[in-house]
């Protein structure tokens, strides 16, 4: 538990150093609805969860991360990241699956470079699908920390103007619970 908190704290502190907080009152509506009026992204998070913070950061200050805490006693820490497609090399129509597979590989390489030496994407979990009519991709990666196995679960969705990515790290025994919650949450996302 301490190691995942330390890892997530490090990621959060790095993001905080070059970010500006988004007031939660600007984002949160009734019934766990979160809507970013700047980018038109909306999503409903599960009952019992809490939105802990939101930040704008990165390239052109257009990268955005929302940090959630699921129902106690879960240790997993889900986040929602989004940015305009103009902010990165966006795939041409029909090339979305290749793009998703490529970004899964670059994410794994960055995790290994960052010190997670045994971080590995489980390619048998790669699922190319659609969510609300948008191209989407889900997969799981595994790694160990202090002798304990952890997962990272991703769901990426490409809209016409925006890209959304759910990412969650946690102890392996929480994977199925979190995956169910993230899949439920991602089904509500509206991506312009």
C-alpha atoms as a PDB file:
ATOM      1  CA  UNK A   1       0.000   0.000   0.000  1.00  0.00           C
ATOM      2  CA  UNK A   2       2.807   2.413   0.870  1.00  0.00           C
ATOM      3  CA  UNK A   3       4.596   1.825  -2.428  1.00  0.00           C
ATOM      4  CA  UNK A   4       1.561   2.543  -4.615  1.00  0.00           C
ATOM      5  CA  UNK A   5       0.832   5.670  -2.579  1.00  0.00           C
ATOM      6  CA  UNK A   6       4.453   6.789  -2.945  1.00  0.00           C
ATOM      7  CA  UNK A   7       4.366   6.185  -6.698  1.00  0.00           C
ATOM      8  CA  UNK A   8       1.085   8.036  -7.158  1.00  0.00           C
ATOM      9  CA  UNK A   9       2.241  10.848  -4.883  1.00  0.00           C
ATOM     10  CA  UNK A  10       5.328  11.236  -7.059  1.00  0.00           C
ATOM     11  CA  UNK A  11       3.239  11.391 -10.223  1.00  0.00           C
ATOM     12  CA  UNK A  12       0.858  13.861  -8.585  1.00  0.00           C
ATOM     13  CA  UNK A  13       3.681  16.078  -7.305  1.00  0.00           C
ATOM     14  CA  UNK A  14       5.337  16.133 -10.715  1.00  0.00           C
ATOM     15  CA  UNK A  15       2.071  17.135 -12.351  1.00  0.00           C
ATOM     16  CA  UNK A  16       1.388  19.716  -9.637  1.00  0.00           C
ATOM     17  CA  UNK A  17       4.757  21.411 -10.164  1.00  0.00           C
ATOM     18  CA  UNK A  18       3.738  22.453 -13.700  1.00  0.00           C
ATOM     19  CA  UNK A  19      -0.009  22.715 -13.359  1.00  0.00           C
ATOM     20  CA  UNK A  20      -2.896  24.843 -12.310  1.00  0.00           C
ATOM     21  CA  UNK A  21      -5.702  23.464 -10.201  1.00  0.00           C
ATOM     22  CA  UNK A  22      -9.201  23.441 -11.639  1.00  0.00           C
ATOM     23  CA  UNK A  23     -11.732  24.354  -8.936  1.00  0.00           C
ATOM     24  CA  UNK A  24     -13.932  21.312  -8.403  1.00  0.00           C
ATOM     25  CA  UNK A  25     -16.974  23.588  -8.147  1.00  0.00           C
ATOM     26  CA  UNK A  26     -16.369  24.414 -11.840  1.00  0.00           C
ATOM     27  CA  UNK A  27     -16.568  20.713 -12.757  1.00  0.00           C
ATOM     28  CA  UNK A  28     -18.890  18.752 -10.463  1.00  0.00           C
ATOM     29  CA  UNK A  29     -22.637  18.697 -10.938  1.00  0.00           C
ATOM     30  CA  UNK A  30     -25.455  16.644  -9.441  1.00  0.00           C
ATOM     31  CA  UNK A  31     -25.393  12.844  -9.319  1.00  0.00           C
ATOM     32  CA  UNK A  32     -21.593  12.539  -9.695  1.00  0.00           C
ATOM     33  CA  UNK A  33     -21.572  14.242 -13.090  1.00  0.00           C
ATOM     34  CA  UNK A  34     -18.269  15.890 -14.001  1.00  0.00           C
ATOM     35  CA  UNK A  35     -18.261  18.296 -16.941  1.00  0.00           C
ATOM     36  CA  UNK A  36     -15.351  20.405 -18.125  1.00  0.00           C
ATOM     37  CA  UNK A  37     -16.936  23.475 -19.756  1.00  0.00           C
ATOM     38  CA  UNK A  38     -13.647  24.388 -21.472  1.00  0.00           C
ATOM     39  CA  UNK A  39     -13.337  21.109 -23.386  1.00  0.00           C
ATOM     40  CA  UNK A  40     -16.868  19.684 -23.358  1.00  0.00           C
ATOM     41  CA  UNK A  41     -15.804  16.389 -21.754  1.00  0.00           C
ATOM     42  CA  UNK A  42     -18.357  14.886 -19.374  1.00  0.00           C
ATOM     43  CA  UNK A  43     -18.459  11.696 -17.333  1.00  0.00           C
ATOM     44  CA  UNK A  44     -20.362  10.266 -14.384  1.00  0.00           C
ATOM     45  CA  UNK A  45     -18.278   8.584 -11.697  1.00  0.00           C
ATOM     46  CA  UNK A  46     -19.575   5.691  -9.542  1.00  0.00           C
ATOM     47  CA  UNK A  47     -21.580   6.219  -6.353  1.00  0.00           C
ATOM     48  CA  UNK A  48     -19.338   6.255  -3.308  1.00  0.00           C
ATOM     49  CA  UNK A  49     -16.347   7.614  -5.229  1.00  0.00           C
ATOM     50  CA  UNK A  50     -14.868  11.058  -4.614  1.00  0.00           C
ATOM     51  CA  UNK A  51     -13.287  13.503  -7.062  1.00  0.00           C
ATOM     52  CA  UNK A  52     -10.185  14.601  -5.150  1.00  0.00           C
ATOM     53  CA  UNK A  53      -8.630  17.096  -7.534  1.00  0.00           C
ATOM     54  CA  UNK A  54      -8.268  18.339 -11.090  1.00  0.00           C
ATOM     55  CA  UNK A  55      -5.368  19.994 -12.894  1.00  0.00           C
ATOM     56  CA  UNK A  56      -4.523  21.603 -16.222  1.00  0.00           C
ATOM     57  CA  UNK A  57      -0.903  21.122 -17.222  1.00  0.00           C
ATOM     58  CA  UNK A  58       1.490  20.011 -19.961  1.00  0.00           C
ATOM     59  CA  UNK A  59       1.743  21.027 -23.586  1.00  0.00           C
ATOM     60  CA  UNK A  60       0.065  24.416 -24.029  1.00  0.00           C
ATOM     61  CA  UNK A  61      -1.552  23.881 -20.604  1.00  0.00           C
ATOM     62  CA  UNK A  62      -4.154  21.765 -22.434  1.00  0.00           C
ATOM     63  CA  UNK A  63      -3.516  18.441 -20.722  1.00  0.00           C
ATOM     64  CA  UNK A  64      -5.970  17.728 -17.939  1.00  0.00           C
ATOM     65  CA  UNK A  65      -6.058  15.135 -15.169  1.00  0.00           C
ATOM     66  CA  UNK A  66      -8.861  14.373 -12.719  1.00  0.00           C
ATOM     67  CA  UNK A  67      -7.949  12.334  -9.629  1.00  0.00           C
ATOM     68  CA  UNK A  68     -10.519  10.025  -8.018  1.00  0.00           C
ATOM     69  CA  UNK A  69     -10.698   7.971  -4.843  1.00  0.00           C
ATOM     70  CA  UNK A  70     -12.921   4.882  -5.016  1.00  0.00           C
ATOM     71  CA  UNK A  71     -14.850   3.383  -2.125  1.00  0.00           C
ATOM     72  CA  UNK A  72     -12.731   2.549   0.922  1.00  0.00           C
ATOM     73  CA  UNK A  73     -10.874   0.209   1.544  1.00  0.00           C
ATOM     74  CA  UNK A  74      -9.705   0.073  -2.102  1.00  0.00           C
ATOM     75  CA  UNK A  75      -6.114   1.227  -2.585  1.00  0.00           C
ATOM     76  CA  UNK A  76      -6.428   1.754  -6.347  1.00  0.00           C
ATOM     77  CA  UNK A  77      -6.316   5.325  -7.555  1.00  0.00           C
ATOM     78  CA  UNK A  78      -8.230   5.980 -10.796  1.00  0.00           C
ATOM     79  CA  UNK A  79      -7.522   9.050 -12.903  1.00  0.00           C
ATOM     80  CA  UNK A  80      -9.033  10.549 -16.031  1.00  0.00           C
ATOM     81  CA  UNK A  81      -6.719  12.324 -18.464  1.00  0.00           C
ATOM     82  CA  UNK A  82      -7.766  14.273 -21.557  1.00  0.00           C
ATOM     83  CA  UNK A  83      -6.356  16.638 -24.162  1.00  0.00           C
ATOM     84  CA  UNK A  84      -7.238  18.034 -27.615  1.00  0.00           C
ATOM     85  CA  UNK A  85      -6.215  15.872 -30.569  1.00  0.00           C
ATOM     86  CA  UNK A  86      -4.357  18.917 -31.922  1.00  0.00           C
ATOM     87  CA  UNK A  87      -1.947  18.499 -28.987  1.00  0.00           C
ATOM     88  CA  UNK A  88      -0.436  15.213 -30.277  1.00  0.00           C
ATOM     89  CA  UNK A  89       0.145  13.201 -33.468  1.00  0.00           C
ATOM     90  CA  UNK A  90      -3.431  12.097 -33.929  1.00  0.00           C
ATOM     91  CA  UNK A  91      -4.145   9.021 -36.081  1.00  0.00           C
ATOM     92  CA  UNK A  92      -5.750   9.257 -39.491  1.00  0.00           C
ATOM     93  CA  UNK A  93      -9.203   7.672 -39.872  1.00  0.00           C
ATOM     94  CA  UNK A  94      -8.865   3.893 -39.943  1.00  0.00           C
ATOM     95  CA  UNK A  95      -5.527   3.987 -38.101  1.00  0.00           C
ATOM     96  CA  UNK A  96      -6.913   4.250 -34.557  1.00  0.00           C
ATOM     97  CA  UNK A  97      -6.138   0.674 -33.498  1.00  0.00           C
ATOM     98  CA  UNK A  98      -2.518   0.936 -34.677  1.00  0.00           C
ATOM     99  CA  UNK A  99      -2.233   4.256 -32.822  1.00  0.00           C
ATOM    100  CA  UNK A 100      -3.628   2.746 -29.612  1.00  0.00           C
ATOM    101  CA  UNK A 101      -1.231  -0.210 -29.804  1.00  0.00           C
ATOM    102  CA  UNK A 102       1.689   2.147 -30.401  1.00  0.00           C
ATOM    103  CA  UNK A 103       0.784   4.362 -27.434  1.00  0.00           C
ATOM    104  CA  UNK A 104       0.427   1.276 -25.203  1.00  0.00           C
ATOM    105  CA  UNK A 105       4.000   0.380 -26.153  1.00  0.00           C
ATOM    106  CA  UNK A 106       5.357   3.861 -25.521  1.00  0.00           C
ATOM    107  CA  UNK A 107       3.591   3.995 -22.144  1.00  0.00           C
ATOM    108  CA  UNK A 108       5.145   0.666 -21.125  1.00  0.00           C
ATOM    109  CA  UNK A 109       8.592   1.870 -22.231  1.00  0.00           C
ATOM    110  CA  UNK A 110       8.197   5.068 -20.185  1.00  0.00           C
ATOM    111  CA  UNK A 111       7.174   3.063 -17.104  1.00  0.00           C
ATOM    112  CA  UNK A 112      10.237   0.808 -17.454  1.00  0.00           C
ATOM    113  CA  UNK A 113      12.478   3.843 -17.962  1.00  0.00           C
ATOM    114  CA  UNK A 114      10.905   5.390 -14.856  1.00  0.00           C
ATOM    115  CA  UNK A 115      12.030   2.451 -12.692  1.00  0.00           C
ATOM    116  CA  UNK A 116       9.289  -0.167 -13.087  1.00  0.00           C
ATOM    117  CA  UNK A 117      11.704  -2.714 -14.563  1.00  0.00           C
ATOM    118  CA  UNK A 118       9.199  -5.573 -14.863  1.00  0.00           C
ATOM    119  CA  UNK A 119       6.292  -3.468 -16.181  1.00  0.00           C
ATOM    120  CA  UNK A 120       4.633  -5.399 -19.026  1.00  0.00           C
ATOM    121  CA  UNK A 121       1.516  -4.899 -21.131  1.00  0.00           C
ATOM    122  CA  UNK A 122      -0.679  -7.989 -21.288  1.00  0.00           C
ATOM    123  CA  UNK A 123      -1.277  -8.080 -25.036  1.00  0.00           C
ATOM    124  CA  UNK A 124      -3.978 -10.733 -24.623  1.00  0.00           C
ATOM    125  CA  UNK A 125      -6.052  -8.018 -22.876  1.00  0.00           C
ATOM    126  CA  UNK A 126      -5.791  -5.549 -25.791  1.00  0.00           C
ATOM    127  CA  UNK A 127      -9.387  -4.805 -26.794  1.00  0.00           C
ATOM    128  CA  UNK A 128     -10.232  -2.442 -29.650  1.00  0.00           C
ATOM    129  CA  UNK A 129     -13.876  -1.416 -29.392  1.00  0.00           C
ATOM    130  CA  UNK A 130     -16.208   1.583 -29.499  1.00  0.00           C
ATOM    131  CA  UNK A 131     -17.579   3.605 -26.601  1.00  0.00           C
ATOM    132  CA  UNK A 132     -20.485   5.919 -27.393  1.00  0.00           C
ATOM    133  CA  UNK A 133     -19.650   5.653 -31.102  1.00  0.00           C
ATOM    134  CA  UNK A 134     -15.984   6.584 -30.590  1.00  0.00           C
ATOM    135  CA  UNK A 135     -12.926   4.340 -31.204  1.00  0.00           C
ATOM    136  CA  UNK A 136     -11.702   2.946 -27.872  1.00  0.00           C
ATOM    137  CA  UNK A 137      -8.976   0.644 -26.559  1.00  0.00           C
ATOM    138  CA  UNK A 138      -8.669  -1.178 -23.224  1.00  0.00           C
ATOM    139  CA  UNK A 139      -5.827  -3.179 -21.738  1.00  0.00           C
ATOM    140  CA  UNK A 140      -4.021  -4.237 -18.566  1.00  0.00           C
ATOM    141  CA  UNK A 141      -0.337  -4.022 -17.638  1.00  0.00           C
ATOM    142  CA  UNK A 142       1.327  -5.717 -14.646  1.00  0.00           C
ATOM    143  CA  UNK A 143       4.324  -4.826 -12.484  1.00  0.00           C
ATOM    144  CA  UNK A 144       5.694  -5.517  -9.010  1.00  0.00           C
ATOM    145  CA  UNK A 145       6.587  -3.154  -6.206  1.00  0.00           C
ATOM    146  CA  UNK A 146       8.198  -4.290  -2.961  1.00  0.00           C
ATOM    147  CA  UNK A 147       7.440  -7.916  -3.865  1.00  0.00           C
ATOM    148  CA  UNK A 148       3.738  -7.239  -4.423  1.00  0.00           C
ATOM    149  CA  UNK A 149       1.971  -7.465  -7.803  1.00  0.00           C
ATOM    150  CA  UNK A 150       0.150  -4.412  -9.161  1.00  0.00           C
ATOM    151  CA  UNK A 151      -1.872  -3.629 -12.272  1.00  0.00           C
ATOM    152  CA  UNK A 152      -2.423  -0.604 -14.428  1.00  0.00           C
ATOM    153  CA  UNK A 153      -5.702  -0.552 -16.357  1.00  0.00           C
ATOM    154  CA  UNK A 154      -6.174   1.758 -19.331  1.00  0.00           C
ATOM    155  CA  UNK A 155      -9.163   2.808 -21.393  1.00  0.00           C
ATOM    156  CA  UNK A 156      -8.465   5.254 -24.227  1.00  0.00           C
ATOM    157  CA  UNK A 157     -11.218   6.923 -26.280  1.00  0.00           C
ATOM    158  CA  UNK A 158     -10.731   9.121 -29.368  1.00  0.00           C
ATOM    159  CA  UNK A 159     -13.319  11.755 -30.126  1.00  0.00           C
ATOM    160  CA  UNK A 160     -13.276  14.030 -33.158  1.00  0.00           C
ATOM    161  CA  UNK A 161     -11.610  16.828 -31.166  1.00  0.00           C
ATOM    162  CA  UNK A 162     -10.441  15.241 -27.897  1.00  0.00           C
ATOM    163  CA  UNK A 163      -8.722  12.137 -26.540  1.00  0.00           C
ATOM    164  CA  UNK A 164      -9.702  10.715 -23.150  1.00  0.00           C
ATOM    165  CA  UNK A 165      -7.753   8.152 -21.149  1.00  0.00           C
ATOM    166  CA  UNK A 166      -8.766   6.449 -17.917  1.00  0.00           C
ATOM    167  CA  UNK A 167      -5.770   5.008 -16.076  1.00  0.00           C
ATOM    168  CA  UNK A 168      -5.727   3.235 -12.757  1.00  0.00           C
ATOM    169  CA  UNK A 169      -2.975   1.608 -10.686  1.00  0.00           C
ATOM    170  CA  UNK A 170      -3.649  -0.706  -7.797  1.00  0.00           C
ATOM    171  CA  UNK A 171      -2.927  -4.065  -6.181  1.00  0.00           C
ATOM    172  CA  UNK A 172      -3.768  -7.008  -8.439  1.00  0.00           C
ATOM    173  CA  UNK A 173      -6.508  -8.288  -6.129  1.00  0.00           C
ATOM    174  CA  UNK A 174      -8.523  -5.115  -6.877  1.00  0.00           C
ATOM    175  CA  UNK A 175      -8.297  -5.377 -10.678  1.00  0.00           C
ATOM    176  CA  UNK A 176     -11.707  -6.917 -11.380  1.00  0.00           C
ATOM    177  CA  UNK A 177     -13.553  -4.524  -9.060  1.00  0.00           C
ATOM    178  CA  UNK A 178     -11.845  -1.458 -10.516  1.00  0.00           C
ATOM    179  CA  UNK A 179     -12.165  -2.692 -14.090  1.00  0.00           C
ATOM    180  CA  UNK A 180     -15.922  -3.085 -13.597  1.00  0.00           C
ATOM    181  CA  UNK A 181     -16.190   0.454 -12.144  1.00  0.00           C
ATOM    182  CA  UNK A 182     -14.004   2.035 -14.849  1.00  0.00           C
ATOM    183  CA  UNK A 183     -15.914   0.257 -17.608  1.00  0.00           C
ATOM    184  CA  UNK A 184     -19.182   1.533 -16.101  1.00  0.00           C
ATOM    185  CA  UNK A 185     -17.739   5.030 -15.850  1.00  0.00           C
ATOM    186  CA  UNK A 186     -16.262   5.026 -19.368  1.00  0.00           C
ATOM    187  CA  UNK A 187     -19.684   4.072 -20.774  1.00  0.00           C
ATOM    188  CA  UNK A 188     -20.945   7.488 -19.589  1.00  0.00           C
ATOM    189  CA  UNK A 189     -18.143   9.591 -21.082  1.00  0.00           C
ATOM    190  CA  UNK A 190     -18.987  12.147 -23.752  1.00  0.00           C
ATOM    191  CA  UNK A 191     -15.976  13.018 -25.907  1.00  0.00           C
ATOM    192  CA  UNK A 192     -16.305  15.815 -28.477  1.00  0.00           C
END
